[in-house]
Amino acid sequence: MYPNGDQYEGLMNDFKRYGKGKHQYNNGDIYEGEWKNNKRDGNGSLFIKSNEIWYEGLFKEDEIISGKVIDSQENKFETITDV
């Protein structure tokens, strides 16, 4: 557990998130997927609690690269590329 209440379960390298893991943020957001040098990097899914949406796709150095967004009703899909 982090001092701010965040929680992380997964692989680490030199005290940094690395490989597969799940991070639960203190605001209710959840990321599960691949990490590299303490950043979201690779395939993963991110739940954004404030908007009640899921993002599934590819991350690079904490940025969304491509994927889809699913709303809370699971009926709205949007393709994201090169954001």
Protein backbone atom coordinates (compact mmCIF):
# COMPACT_ATOMS: atom_id res chain seq x y z
CA MET A 1 0.00 0.00 0.00
CA TYR A 2 1.16 3.51 -0.81
CA PRO A 3 0.97 6.41 1.68
CA ASN A 4 -1.92 7.95 -0.32
CA GLY A 5 -4.00 4.74 -0.07
CA ASP A 6 -3.25 3.34 -3.54
CA GLN A 7 -2.66 -0.41 -3.70
CA TYR A 8 -0.55 -2.42 -6.14
CA GLU A 9 -0.35 -6.18 -6.67
CA GLY A 10 2.10 -7.50 -9.19
CA LEU A 11 5.67 -7.70 -10.36
CA MET A 12 8.28 -5.10 -9.48
CA ASN A 13 11.85 -4.40 -10.55
CA ASP A 14 14.10 -2.07 -8.53
CA PHE A 15 11.03 -0.98 -6.49
CA LYS A 16 9.18 0.02 -9.68
CA ARG A 17 6.04 -1.55 -11.16
CA TYR A 18 7.20 -3.80 -14.00
CA GLY A 19 5.52 -6.64 -15.90
CA LYS A 20 1.93 -7.60 -15.11
CA GLY A 21 0.12 -5.99 -12.22
CA LYS A 22 -3.02 -4.38 -10.85
CA HIS A 23 -3.09 -0.88 -9.36
CA GLN A 24 -6.10 0.37 -7.42
CA TYR A 25 -5.99 4.15 -7.06
CA ASN A 26 -7.40 5.91 -4.01
CA ASN A 27 -9.98 7.68 -6.22
CA GLY A 28 -11.51 4.34 -7.28
CA ASP A 29 -9.79 4.01 -10.67
CA ILE A 30 -8.27 0.59 -11.43
CA TYR A 31 -5.58 -0.34 -13.96
CA GLU A 32 -4.75 -3.96 -14.69
CA GLY A 33 -2.15 -4.84 -17.27
CA GLU A 34 1.46 -4.39 -18.22
CA TRP A 35 3.94 -1.98 -16.62
CA LYS A 36 7.40 -0.80 -17.57
CA ASN A 37 9.59 1.47 -15.43
CA ASN A 38 6.66 2.32 -13.14
CA LYS A 39 4.41 3.41 -16.05
CA ARG A 40 1.44 1.76 -17.79
CA ASP A 41 3.07 0.28 -20.88
CA GLY A 42 1.63 -2.50 -23.04
CA ASN A 43 -1.81 -4.10 -23.04
CA GLY A 44 -4.12 -3.20 -20.21
CA SER A 45 -7.53 -2.10 -19.01
CA LEU A 46 -8.33 1.04 -17.07
CA PHE A 47 -11.58 1.66 -15.19
CA ILE A 48 -12.23 5.36 -14.66
CA LYS A 49 -14.67 5.56 -11.77
CA SER A 50 -15.65 9.23 -12.15
CA ASN A 51 -16.93 8.59 -15.70
CA GLU A 52 -17.98 4.95 -15.16
CA ILE A 53 -16.07 3.83 -18.27
CA TRP A 54 -13.60 1.07 -19.13
CA TYR A 55 -10.75 1.59 -21.52
CA GLU A 56 -9.14 -1.53 -22.98
CA GLY A 57 -6.15 -1.36 -25.24
CA LEU A 58 -2.54 -0.35 -25.62
CA PHE A 59 -0.61 2.06 -23.38
CA LYS A 60 2.84 3.58 -23.92
CA GLU A 61 4.59 5.41 -21.07
CA ASP A 62 1.25 6.06 -19.28
CA GLU A 63 -0.45 7.36 -22.46
CA ILE A 64 -3.39 5.70 -24.25
CA ILE A 65 -2.25 4.66 -27.74
CA SER A 66 -5.17 2.63 -29.14
CA GLY A 67 -8.12 0.59 -28.00
CA LYS A 68 -11.80 0.91 -27.13
CA VAL A 69 -13.98 2.61 -24.55
CA ILE A 70 -16.97 0.86 -22.99
CA ASP A 71 -19.56 2.90 -21.11
CA SER A 72 -21.33 1.77 -17.93
CA GLN A 73 -24.22 0.32 -19.98
CA GLU A 74 -21.75 -1.75 -22.03
CA ASN A 75 -23.46 -0.60 -25.21
CA LYS A 76 -21.18 2.15 -26.48
CA PHE A 77 -17.91 1.26 -28.13
CA GLU A 78 -15.51 3.73 -29.62
CA THR A 79 -12.22 2.95 -31.28
CA ILE A 80 -9.30 5.08 -30.14
CA THR A 81 -6.15 5.31 -32.25
CA ASP A 82 -3.11 7.51 -31.91
CA VAL A 83 -4.45 9.63 -29.06
